[in-house]
Structures are given as C-alpha cells and as structure tokens.
C-alpha cells in the first residue's frame, strides 16, 4: 500500500467515525446560521474519503452549529444526507456550488444555500461519482444548462429520496 493510499484509508475511516458523531450527536436544527467555507487540497468527502480537489463537478458542505464542516464530493451525497433528517441534527448551514459560475473541472467557491438551489438531474455532465445533481442559484441558469446537456430541473423541495439513492439506481448508473 502506498503512503498516499494508506493516508487516504486512515483519513477515510477517521472521517467516517467523525461523521457518525457529527450526524448523531447534536439535537437541534439551526439551519441558516453559518457562512460557507472553501475546501483545501486535503479535504475529503465525509462519506467516501475522496479528495474534493481531485474531481470535477459540484460539491457540497454541511456546517454544524459547533463550526465543524462535513464535506461532500458530490451534491447527490449531500442531498441524500439532508433528506435523511433523522440523522442530521444541528445544521447551521447546507451549501452547494452555483455551477453557472464555478469551473466544472476545478470548482472552487461560488457557494449557495442548498435548500434554495435549483438542481438538474439526468444531464450528460458527470461529477465525482458519475451522474450528479447539478446545482444553480437561479432557475434560468438551471434551465439553460438542461437545454444544453439534458436533464430535468428540480427545486430542493421536489427532490425525493429516490432521486438521491447512493447505490446508483436513482441516477441510472449501475457502474458505481
């Protein structure tokens, strides 16, 4: 095992243990009280340990009331976690990137509130996990993207658990 692989393995399991604590330890929802942060080269996805900076497409973050951040290498993972409300407590902010402004290959900054974003599902553009939910700050940009790359526009309120299944079935990607 290479040093990088060993480091990734240790960071992955450390992050998994941390995320379990983050997602279950707190008891009140205080959404909307935090400002988004930007990830560094070493920040990894809380669910799978993938380094955010190594992959294209929109990213996500949850900021908890105590200031801790849970990073997601893909918006589908973040949306899946948000929809599992019984496991997410004390969220001070949930953010995704506005892909009308962020660079697809190396997205940085351009954070918007996840619950007010518009998402394109079923486009030909691939994120870190394959098919993704492409996030936008406004409907017009989401609709323009859908015309160019395919897909359907949904608000956060329209996203269902079936849309964001992590086994690949929801996005018709059986190669995961």
N, C-alpha and C. Protein backbone atom coordinates (compact mmCIF):
# COMPACT_ATOMS: atom_id res chain seq x y z
N UNK A 1 0.85 -1.16 0.00
CA UNK A 1 0.00 0.00 0.00
C UNK A 1 0.90 1.23 0.00
N UNK A 2 0.63 2.16 -0.93
CA UNK A 2 1.44 3.38 -1.00
C UNK A 2 1.12 4.28 0.19
N UNK A 3 1.99 5.25 0.41
CA UNK A 3 1.79 6.20 1.51
C UNK A 3 0.50 6.98 1.29
N UNK A 4 0.25 7.41 0.04
CA UNK A 4 -0.98 8.16 -0.24
C UNK A 4 -2.20 7.29 0.01
N UNK A 5 -2.17 6.02 -0.43
CA UNK A 5 -3.31 5.13 -0.20
C UNK A 5 -3.52 4.87 1.28
N UNK A 6 -2.44 4.70 2.03
CA UNK A 6 -2.55 4.49 3.47
C UNK A 6 -3.14 5.73 4.13
N UNK A 7 -2.68 6.89 3.70
CA UNK A 7 -3.21 8.14 4.26
C UNK A 7 -4.69 8.28 3.94
N UNK A 8 -5.07 7.99 2.69
CA UNK A 8 -6.47 8.07 2.31
C UNK A 8 -7.30 7.10 3.13
N UNK A 9 -6.81 5.88 3.34
CA UNK A 9 -7.55 4.89 4.11
C UNK A 9 -7.76 5.37 5.54
N UNK A 10 -6.68 5.88 6.17
CA UNK A 10 -6.79 6.37 7.55
C UNK A 10 -7.71 7.59 7.63
N UNK A 11 -7.57 8.51 6.68
CA UNK A 11 -8.44 9.68 6.69
C UNK A 11 -9.89 9.29 6.45
N UNK A 12 -10.12 8.34 5.56
CA UNK A 12 -11.48 7.88 5.28
C UNK A 12 -12.14 7.35 6.54
N UNK A 13 -11.49 6.42 7.23
CA UNK A 13 -12.10 5.82 8.42
C UNK A 13 -12.19 6.83 9.56
N UNK A 14 -11.23 7.71 9.67
CA UNK A 14 -11.32 8.76 10.68
C UNK A 14 -12.50 9.68 10.39
N UNK A 15 -12.69 10.00 9.11
CA UNK A 15 -13.80 10.85 8.72
C UNK A 15 -15.13 10.16 8.92
N UNK A 16 -15.20 8.87 8.61
CA UNK A 16 -16.44 8.13 8.83
C UNK A 16 -16.82 8.17 10.31
N UNK A 17 -15.85 7.91 11.18
CA UNK A 17 -16.14 7.93 12.61
C UNK A 17 -16.54 9.33 13.07
N UNK A 18 -15.86 10.36 12.56
CA UNK A 18 -16.21 11.72 12.89
C UNK A 18 -17.60 12.06 12.39
N UNK A 19 -17.92 11.64 11.17
CA UNK A 19 -19.23 11.98 10.60
C UNK A 19 -20.36 11.32 11.37
N UNK A 20 -20.16 10.10 11.83
CA UNK A 20 -21.18 9.45 12.64
C UNK A 20 -21.44 10.28 13.89
N UNK A 21 -20.38 10.75 14.51
CA UNK A 21 -20.53 11.61 15.68
C UNK A 21 -21.21 12.92 15.33
N UNK A 22 -20.81 13.53 14.21
CA UNK A 22 -21.40 14.79 13.80
C UNK A 22 -22.88 14.65 13.47
N UNK A 23 -23.23 13.58 12.80
CA UNK A 23 -24.60 13.42 12.34
C UNK A 23 -25.56 12.93 13.42
N UNK A 24 -25.03 12.44 14.53
CA UNK A 24 -25.92 11.92 15.56
C UNK A 24 -25.80 12.60 16.91
N UNK A 25 -24.77 13.40 17.13
CA UNK A 25 -24.51 13.91 18.47
C UNK A 25 -25.36 15.10 18.87
N UNK A 26 -25.78 15.89 17.92
CA UNK A 26 -26.46 17.13 18.26
C UNK A 26 -27.97 16.95 18.20
N UNK A 27 -28.71 17.92 18.79
CA UNK A 27 -30.14 17.69 18.91
C UNK A 27 -31.04 18.76 18.35
N UNK A 28 -30.54 19.91 17.90
CA UNK A 28 -31.46 20.93 17.40
C UNK A 28 -31.01 21.41 16.03
N UNK A 29 -31.99 21.76 15.20
CA UNK A 29 -31.69 22.25 13.85
C UNK A 29 -31.66 23.77 13.88
N UNK A 30 -30.54 24.34 13.48
CA UNK A 30 -30.42 25.80 13.44
C UNK A 30 -29.94 26.23 12.07
N UNK A 31 -30.59 25.69 11.02
CA UNK A 31 -30.16 25.92 9.64
C UNK A 31 -30.13 27.41 9.32
N UNK A 32 -29.15 27.80 8.53
CA UNK A 32 -29.07 29.15 8.03
C UNK A 32 -28.20 30.08 8.84
N UNK A 33 -27.49 29.62 9.83
CA UNK A 33 -26.71 30.49 10.70
C UNK A 33 -25.22 30.47 10.40
N UNK A 34 -24.77 29.89 9.32
CA UNK A 34 -23.34 29.77 9.05
C UNK A 34 -23.02 30.27 7.65
N UNK A 35 -21.79 30.69 7.48
CA UNK A 35 -21.30 31.08 6.16
C UNK A 35 -20.53 29.91 5.57
N UNK A 36 -20.63 29.72 4.24
CA UNK A 36 -19.89 28.62 3.63
C UNK A 36 -18.39 28.85 3.70
N UNK A 37 -17.66 27.75 3.66
CA UNK A 37 -16.20 27.78 3.65
C UNK A 37 -15.74 27.21 2.31
N UNK A 38 -14.47 27.33 2.00
CA UNK A 38 -13.98 26.67 0.80
C UNK A 38 -13.03 25.56 1.22
N UNK A 39 -13.00 24.50 0.45
CA UNK A 39 -12.19 23.34 0.80
C UNK A 39 -10.74 23.54 0.38
N UNK A 40 -9.87 22.80 1.05
CA UNK A 40 -8.45 22.82 0.71
C UNK A 40 -8.10 21.54 -0.04
N UNK A 41 -6.88 21.44 -0.50
CA UNK A 41 -6.43 20.27 -1.26
C UNK A 41 -6.59 18.97 -0.46
N UNK A 42 -6.47 19.02 0.84
CA UNK A 42 -6.52 17.82 1.66
C UNK A 42 -7.89 17.47 2.21
N UNK A 43 -8.93 18.27 1.91
CA UNK A 43 -10.26 17.97 2.44
C UNK A 43 -10.90 16.82 1.66
N UNK A 44 -11.46 15.88 2.43
CA UNK A 44 -12.03 14.68 1.83
C UNK A 44 -13.52 14.58 2.14
N UNK A 45 -14.22 13.85 1.29
CA UNK A 45 -15.65 13.61 1.45
C UNK A 45 -15.90 12.80 2.72
N UNK A 46 -16.88 13.24 3.48
CA UNK A 46 -17.22 12.58 4.75
C UNK A 46 -17.77 11.17 4.53
N UNK A 47 -18.33 10.88 3.36
CA UNK A 47 -18.93 9.57 3.12
C UNK A 47 -17.99 8.56 2.49
N UNK A 48 -17.08 9.01 1.62
CA UNK A 48 -16.26 8.02 0.91
C UNK A 48 -14.76 8.32 0.92
N UNK A 49 -14.35 9.41 1.55
CA UNK A 49 -12.93 9.70 1.67
C UNK A 49 -12.26 10.25 0.43
N UNK A 50 -13.02 10.51 -0.64
CA UNK A 50 -12.43 11.05 -1.86
C UNK A 50 -12.04 12.50 -1.63
N UNK A 51 -10.86 12.89 -2.14
CA UNK A 51 -10.42 14.27 -2.02
C UNK A 51 -11.23 15.15 -2.97
N UNK A 52 -11.84 16.19 -2.43
CA UNK A 52 -12.70 17.05 -3.23
C UNK A 52 -11.95 17.69 -4.40
N UNK A 53 -10.73 18.13 -4.18
CA UNK A 53 -9.97 18.83 -5.20
C UNK A 53 -9.58 17.93 -6.38
N UNK A 54 -9.71 16.62 -6.22
CA UNK A 54 -9.29 15.70 -7.27
C UNK A 54 -10.36 15.41 -8.32
N UNK A 55 -11.58 15.94 -8.15
CA UNK A 55 -12.68 15.54 -9.01
C UNK A 55 -13.49 16.73 -9.51
N UNK A 56 -14.08 16.58 -10.71
CA UNK A 56 -14.89 17.66 -11.28
C UNK A 56 -16.30 17.69 -10.68
N UNK A 57 -17.04 18.70 -11.07
CA UNK A 57 -18.45 18.79 -10.72
C UNK A 57 -18.73 19.43 -9.38
N UNK A 58 -20.01 19.68 -9.11
CA UNK A 58 -20.41 20.40 -7.91
C UNK A 58 -20.16 19.62 -6.62
N UNK A 59 -19.78 20.36 -5.59
CA UNK A 59 -19.51 19.81 -4.26
C UNK A 59 -20.55 20.31 -3.28
N UNK A 60 -20.52 19.78 -2.05
CA UNK A 60 -21.43 20.24 -1.02
C UNK A 60 -20.75 20.28 0.34
N UNK A 61 -21.38 20.99 1.26
CA UNK A 61 -20.87 21.05 2.63
C UNK A 61 -22.01 21.27 3.61
N UNK A 62 -21.90 20.63 4.75
CA UNK A 62 -22.77 20.89 5.88
C UNK A 62 -21.92 21.53 6.96
N UNK A 63 -22.39 22.61 7.51
CA UNK A 63 -21.70 23.25 8.63
C UNK A 63 -22.59 23.08 9.85
N UNK A 64 -22.01 22.52 10.90
CA UNK A 64 -22.76 22.26 12.12
C UNK A 64 -22.67 23.44 13.07
N UNK A 65 -23.56 23.49 14.04
CA UNK A 65 -23.64 24.60 14.98
C UNK A 65 -22.32 24.85 15.70
N UNK A 66 -21.52 23.80 15.90
CA UNK A 66 -20.24 23.97 16.59
C UNK A 66 -19.11 24.38 15.63
N UNK A 67 -19.43 24.63 14.34
CA UNK A 67 -18.45 25.08 13.37
C UNK A 67 -17.79 24.00 12.54
N UNK A 68 -18.00 22.74 12.91
CA UNK A 68 -17.39 21.65 12.13
C UNK A 68 -18.04 21.56 10.75
N UNK A 69 -17.25 21.15 9.77
CA UNK A 69 -17.72 21.04 8.39
C UNK A 69 -17.66 19.59 7.94
N UNK A 70 -18.72 19.12 7.31
CA UNK A 70 -18.74 17.82 6.65
C UNK A 70 -18.76 18.10 5.15
N UNK A 71 -17.71 17.67 4.45
CA UNK A 71 -17.58 17.90 3.01
C UNK A 71 -18.18 16.73 2.23
N UNK A 72 -18.71 17.03 1.05
CA UNK A 72 -19.26 16.02 0.16
C UNK A 72 -18.68 16.26 -1.23
N UNK A 73 -18.14 15.21 -1.84
CA UNK A 73 -17.51 15.36 -3.15
C UNK A 73 -18.54 15.45 -4.27
N UNK A 74 -19.82 15.27 -3.92
CA UNK A 74 -20.88 15.31 -4.92
C UNK A 74 -22.17 15.80 -4.27
N UNK A 75 -22.96 16.55 -5.01
CA UNK A 75 -24.21 17.08 -4.48
C UNK A 75 -25.21 15.98 -4.15
N UNK A 76 -25.18 14.88 -4.88
CA UNK A 76 -26.11 13.78 -4.60
C UNK A 76 -25.89 13.27 -3.17
N UNK A 77 -24.64 13.16 -2.76
CA UNK A 77 -24.34 12.70 -1.39
C UNK A 77 -24.87 13.69 -0.36
N UNK A 78 -24.68 14.98 -0.61
CA UNK A 78 -25.18 15.99 0.32
C UNK A 78 -26.70 15.95 0.38
N UNK A 79 -27.37 15.89 -0.77
CA UNK A 79 -28.83 15.86 -0.79
C UNK A 79 -29.36 14.60 -0.10
N UNK A 80 -28.71 13.48 -0.33
CA UNK A 80 -29.09 12.23 0.34
C UNK A 80 -29.03 12.43 1.86
N UNK A 81 -27.97 13.03 2.34
CA UNK A 81 -27.80 13.26 3.77
C UNK A 81 -28.84 14.23 4.31
N UNK A 82 -29.12 15.30 3.57
CA UNK A 82 -30.13 16.26 4.01
C UNK A 82 -31.52 15.64 4.08
N UNK A 83 -31.82 14.75 3.15
CA UNK A 83 -33.14 14.13 3.15
C UNK A 83 -33.30 13.08 4.25
N UNK A 84 -32.20 12.61 4.80
CA UNK A 84 -32.23 11.65 5.91
C UNK A 84 -32.27 12.45 7.21
N UNK A 85 -33.31 13.22 7.41
CA UNK A 85 -33.38 14.17 8.51
C UNK A 85 -33.26 13.53 9.88
N UNK A 86 -33.60 12.27 10.00
CA UNK A 86 -33.47 11.63 11.31
C UNK A 86 -32.01 11.50 11.74
N UNK A 87 -31.07 11.63 10.79
CA UNK A 87 -29.66 11.50 11.15
C UNK A 87 -28.93 12.84 11.17
N UNK A 88 -29.52 13.89 10.63
CA UNK A 88 -28.84 15.18 10.55
C UNK A 88 -29.42 16.12 11.60
N UNK A 89 -28.60 16.49 12.54
CA UNK A 89 -29.03 17.38 13.62
C UNK A 89 -28.09 18.58 13.70
N UNK A 90 -28.60 19.67 14.17
CA UNK A 90 -27.80 20.86 14.46
C UNK A 90 -27.04 21.40 13.25
N UNK A 91 -27.70 21.47 12.12
CA UNK A 91 -27.07 22.02 10.92
C UNK A 91 -27.21 23.53 10.95
N UNK A 92 -26.09 24.22 10.87
CA UNK A 92 -26.10 25.68 10.82
C UNK A 92 -26.12 26.17 9.38
N UNK A 93 -25.74 25.33 8.43
CA UNK A 93 -25.76 25.70 7.02
C UNK A 93 -25.53 24.50 6.13
N UNK A 94 -26.18 24.51 4.97
CA UNK A 94 -26.01 23.47 3.96
C UNK A 94 -25.79 24.19 2.64
N UNK A 95 -24.65 23.89 1.98
CA UNK A 95 -24.28 24.66 0.79
C UNK A 95 -23.85 23.75 -0.36
N UNK A 96 -24.14 24.21 -1.57
CA UNK A 96 -23.68 23.59 -2.81
C UNK A 96 -23.10 24.71 -3.66
N UNK A 97 -22.51 24.35 -4.78
CA UNK A 97 -21.89 25.36 -5.63
C UNK A 97 -22.81 25.76 -6.79
N UNK A 98 -22.79 27.04 -7.12
CA UNK A 98 -23.53 27.55 -8.27
C UNK A 98 -22.69 27.26 -9.51
N UNK A 99 -23.10 26.24 -10.26
CA UNK A 99 -22.30 25.80 -11.40
C UNK A 99 -22.45 26.70 -12.62
N UNK A 100 -23.28 27.74 -12.53
CA UNK A 100 -23.29 28.76 -13.58
C UNK A 100 -22.04 29.63 -13.46
N UNK A 101 -21.44 29.64 -12.27
CA UNK A 101 -20.27 30.48 -12.01
C UNK A 101 -19.00 29.69 -11.72
N UNK A 102 -19.13 28.48 -11.22
CA UNK A 102 -17.94 27.68 -10.86
C UNK A 102 -17.40 26.94 -12.08
N UNK A 103 -16.11 26.72 -12.11
CA UNK A 103 -15.44 25.95 -13.16
C UNK A 103 -15.77 24.47 -12.94
N UNK A 104 -16.29 23.80 -13.96
CA UNK A 104 -16.71 22.40 -13.81
C UNK A 104 -15.55 21.49 -13.40
N UNK A 105 -14.41 21.65 -14.05
CA UNK A 105 -13.28 20.76 -13.81
C UNK A 105 -12.61 20.99 -12.47
N UNK A 106 -12.57 22.21 -12.00
CA UNK A 106 -11.93 22.55 -10.72
C UNK A 106 -12.80 23.56 -9.97
N UNK A 107 -13.98 23.11 -9.54
CA UNK A 107 -14.90 24.06 -8.89
C UNK A 107 -14.37 24.56 -7.55
N UNK A 108 -14.40 25.86 -7.38
CA UNK A 108 -13.99 26.50 -6.13
C UNK A 108 -14.98 27.62 -5.84
N UNK A 109 -15.26 27.84 -4.58
CA UNK A 109 -16.13 28.93 -4.18
C UNK A 109 -17.51 28.83 -4.80
N UNK A 110 -18.15 29.97 -4.98
CA UNK A 110 -19.48 30.07 -5.58
C UNK A 110 -20.54 29.28 -4.79
N UNK A 111 -20.44 29.32 -3.46
CA UNK A 111 -21.34 28.56 -2.60
C UNK A 111 -22.70 29.24 -2.48
N UNK A 112 -23.75 28.44 -2.53
CA UNK A 112 -25.12 28.91 -2.36
C UNK A 112 -25.83 27.98 -1.39
N UNK A 113 -26.92 28.44 -0.81
CA UNK A 113 -27.67 27.64 0.16
C UNK A 113 -28.32 26.46 -0.58
N UNK A 114 -28.09 25.27 -0.09
CA UNK A 114 -28.56 24.05 -0.76
C UNK A 114 -30.08 23.97 -0.86
N UNK A 115 -30.77 24.46 0.15
CA UNK A 115 -32.24 24.33 0.17
C UNK A 115 -32.94 25.35 -0.72
N UNK A 116 -32.20 26.34 -1.22
CA UNK A 116 -32.81 27.31 -2.13
C UNK A 116 -32.29 27.15 -3.56
N UNK A 117 -31.44 26.16 -3.78
CA UNK A 117 -30.85 25.94 -5.11
C UNK A 117 -31.82 25.21 -6.03
N UNK A 118 -31.50 25.27 -7.32
CA UNK A 118 -32.19 24.51 -8.35
C UNK A 118 -31.22 23.44 -8.82
N UNK A 119 -31.71 22.23 -9.08
CA UNK A 119 -30.86 21.09 -9.42
C UNK A 119 -31.28 20.52 -10.76
N UNK A 120 -30.29 20.17 -11.58
CA UNK A 120 -30.56 19.47 -12.84
C UNK A 120 -30.14 18.02 -12.64
N UNK A 121 -31.11 17.13 -12.76
CA UNK A 121 -30.89 15.68 -12.68
C UNK A 121 -30.95 15.10 -14.09
N UNK A 122 -30.05 14.16 -14.39
CA UNK A 122 -30.10 13.44 -15.66
C UNK A 122 -29.36 14.09 -16.80
N UNK A 123 -28.43 15.00 -16.51
CA UNK A 123 -27.67 15.63 -17.59
C UNK A 123 -26.54 14.69 -18.05
N UNK A 124 -25.90 15.08 -19.14
CA UNK A 124 -24.76 14.29 -19.64
C UNK A 124 -23.46 14.63 -18.93
N UNK A 125 -23.43 15.66 -18.11
CA UNK A 125 -22.21 16.04 -17.37
C UNK A 125 -22.05 15.13 -16.17
N UNK A 126 -20.82 14.70 -15.92
CA UNK A 126 -20.54 13.79 -14.81
C UNK A 126 -19.78 14.51 -13.71
N UNK A 127 -20.13 14.20 -12.47
CA UNK A 127 -19.43 14.72 -11.31
C UNK A 127 -18.48 13.67 -10.78
N UNK A 128 -18.07 13.81 -9.55
CA UNK A 128 -17.08 12.90 -8.96
C UNK A 128 -17.58 11.47 -8.85
N UNK A 129 -18.88 11.29 -8.70
CA UNK A 129 -19.46 9.96 -8.54
C UNK A 129 -20.21 9.50 -9.79
N UNK A 130 -20.02 10.18 -10.91
CA UNK A 130 -20.74 9.85 -12.14
C UNK A 130 -21.89 10.84 -12.30
N UNK A 131 -23.09 10.34 -12.67
CA UNK A 131 -24.24 11.25 -12.81
C UNK A 131 -24.45 12.03 -11.51
N UNK A 132 -24.79 13.30 -11.66
CA UNK A 132 -24.89 14.16 -10.48
C UNK A 132 -26.11 15.05 -10.54
N UNK A 133 -26.38 15.73 -9.45
CA UNK A 133 -27.41 16.76 -9.39
C UNK A 133 -26.67 18.08 -9.50
N UNK A 134 -26.79 18.74 -10.64
CA UNK A 134 -26.03 19.96 -10.91
C UNK A 134 -26.78 21.14 -10.28
N UNK A 135 -26.09 21.88 -9.43
CA UNK A 135 -26.72 22.92 -8.63
C UNK A 135 -26.54 24.32 -9.23
N UNK A 136 -27.61 25.13 -9.08
CA UNK A 136 -27.62 26.50 -9.60
C UNK A 136 -28.34 27.43 -8.64
N UNK A 137 -27.94 28.69 -8.63
CA UNK A 137 -28.58 29.70 -7.78
C UNK A 137 -29.93 30.13 -8.34
N UNK A 138 -30.10 30.08 -9.66
CA UNK A 138 -31.39 30.51 -10.21
C UNK A 138 -31.89 29.55 -11.28
N UNK A 139 -33.20 29.54 -11.43
CA UNK A 139 -33.86 28.61 -12.36
C UNK A 139 -33.42 28.83 -13.80
N UNK A 140 -33.26 30.08 -14.23
CA UNK A 140 -32.90 30.35 -15.63
C UNK A 140 -31.58 29.67 -15.99
N UNK A 141 -30.58 29.74 -15.11
CA UNK A 141 -29.30 29.07 -15.38
C UNK A 141 -29.47 27.56 -15.41
N UNK A 142 -30.28 27.02 -14.50
CA UNK A 142 -30.52 25.57 -14.48
C UNK A 142 -31.22 25.13 -15.77
N UNK A 143 -32.20 25.89 -16.22
CA UNK A 143 -32.92 25.54 -17.45
C UNK A 143 -32.00 25.64 -18.67
N UNK A 144 -31.14 26.64 -18.73
CA UNK A 144 -30.19 26.78 -19.85
C UNK A 144 -29.23 25.59 -19.86
N UNK A 145 -28.76 25.18 -18.69
CA UNK A 145 -27.87 24.02 -18.59
C UNK A 145 -28.61 22.75 -19.06
N UNK A 146 -29.86 22.57 -18.65
CA UNK A 146 -30.65 21.40 -19.04
C UNK A 146 -30.88 21.38 -20.55
N UNK A 147 -31.09 22.52 -21.16
CA UNK A 147 -31.25 22.56 -22.62
C UNK A 147 -29.97 22.12 -23.32
N UNK A 148 -28.82 22.51 -22.77
CA UNK A 148 -27.53 22.21 -23.39
C UNK A 148 -27.08 20.77 -23.13
N UNK A 149 -27.26 20.28 -21.90
CA UNK A 149 -26.71 18.97 -21.50
C UNK A 149 -27.78 17.93 -21.16
N UNK A 150 -29.05 18.28 -21.30
CA UNK A 150 -30.12 17.36 -20.95
C UNK A 150 -30.45 17.42 -19.47
N UNK A 151 -31.50 16.70 -19.10
CA UNK A 151 -31.88 16.63 -17.70
C UNK A 151 -33.12 17.43 -17.38
N UNK A 152 -33.56 17.30 -16.14
CA UNK A 152 -34.76 17.97 -15.65
C UNK A 152 -34.41 18.82 -14.43
N UNK A 153 -35.04 19.99 -14.34
CA UNK A 153 -34.79 20.92 -13.24
C UNK A 153 -35.75 20.63 -12.09
N UNK A 154 -35.19 20.60 -10.87
CA UNK A 154 -35.99 20.42 -9.66
C UNK A 154 -35.54 21.41 -8.59
N UNK A 155 -36.49 21.83 -7.77
CA UNK A 155 -36.14 22.59 -6.57
C UNK A 155 -35.76 21.59 -5.49
N UNK A 156 -35.17 22.07 -4.40
CA UNK A 156 -34.85 21.17 -3.28
C UNK A 156 -36.11 20.48 -2.78
N UNK A 157 -37.21 21.20 -2.69
CA UNK A 157 -38.47 20.63 -2.19
C UNK A 157 -38.98 19.50 -3.08
N UNK A 158 -38.59 19.50 -4.35
CA UNK A 158 -39.04 18.46 -5.29
C UNK A 158 -38.13 17.24 -5.32
N UNK A 159 -36.96 17.33 -4.72
CA UNK A 159 -36.01 16.21 -4.71
C UNK A 159 -36.53 15.15 -3.74
N UNK A 160 -36.54 13.91 -4.21
CA UNK A 160 -37.01 12.80 -3.37
C UNK A 160 -35.83 11.91 -2.99
N UNK A 161 -36.05 11.07 -2.00
CA UNK A 161 -35.03 10.10 -1.59
C UNK A 161 -34.65 9.20 -2.76
N UNK A 162 -35.59 8.88 -3.60
CA UNK A 162 -35.32 8.04 -4.78
C UNK A 162 -34.37 8.75 -5.75
N UNK A 163 -34.46 10.07 -5.85
CA UNK A 163 -33.59 10.85 -6.73
C UNK A 163 -32.13 10.79 -6.31
N UNK A 164 -31.89 10.59 -5.02
CA UNK A 164 -30.53 10.69 -4.48
C UNK A 164 -30.07 9.41 -3.79
N UNK A 165 -30.53 8.28 -4.29
CA UNK A 165 -30.04 7.00 -3.77
C UNK A 165 -28.56 6.89 -4.07
N UNK A 166 -27.81 6.38 -3.13
CA UNK A 166 -26.35 6.30 -3.30
C UNK A 166 -25.87 5.00 -3.92
N UNK A 167 -26.78 4.10 -4.25
CA UNK A 167 -26.36 2.84 -4.87
C UNK A 167 -26.32 2.93 -6.39
N UNK A 168 -26.59 4.12 -6.94
CA UNK A 168 -26.52 4.32 -8.38
C UNK A 168 -27.84 4.13 -9.09
N UNK A 169 -28.81 3.51 -8.47
CA UNK A 169 -30.07 3.20 -9.14
C UNK A 169 -30.85 4.45 -9.51
N UNK A 170 -30.87 5.43 -8.65
CA UNK A 170 -31.68 6.63 -8.90
C UNK A 170 -31.20 7.37 -10.12
N UNK A 171 -29.92 7.39 -10.35
CA UNK A 171 -29.36 8.14 -11.46
C UNK A 171 -29.04 7.23 -12.65
N UNK A 172 -29.57 6.02 -12.59
CA UNK A 172 -29.41 5.05 -13.69
C UNK A 172 -27.95 4.80 -14.01
N UNK A 173 -27.14 4.72 -12.97
CA UNK A 173 -25.72 4.43 -13.13
C UNK A 173 -25.41 3.14 -12.39
N UNK A 174 -25.39 2.05 -13.10
CA UNK A 174 -25.16 0.77 -12.43
C UNK A 174 -23.67 0.38 -12.46
N UNK A 175 -22.80 1.31 -12.80
CA UNK A 175 -21.36 1.04 -12.85
C UNK A 175 -20.64 1.48 -11.58
N UNK A 176 -21.35 2.00 -10.58
CA UNK A 176 -20.72 2.51 -9.36
C UNK A 176 -20.29 1.36 -8.48
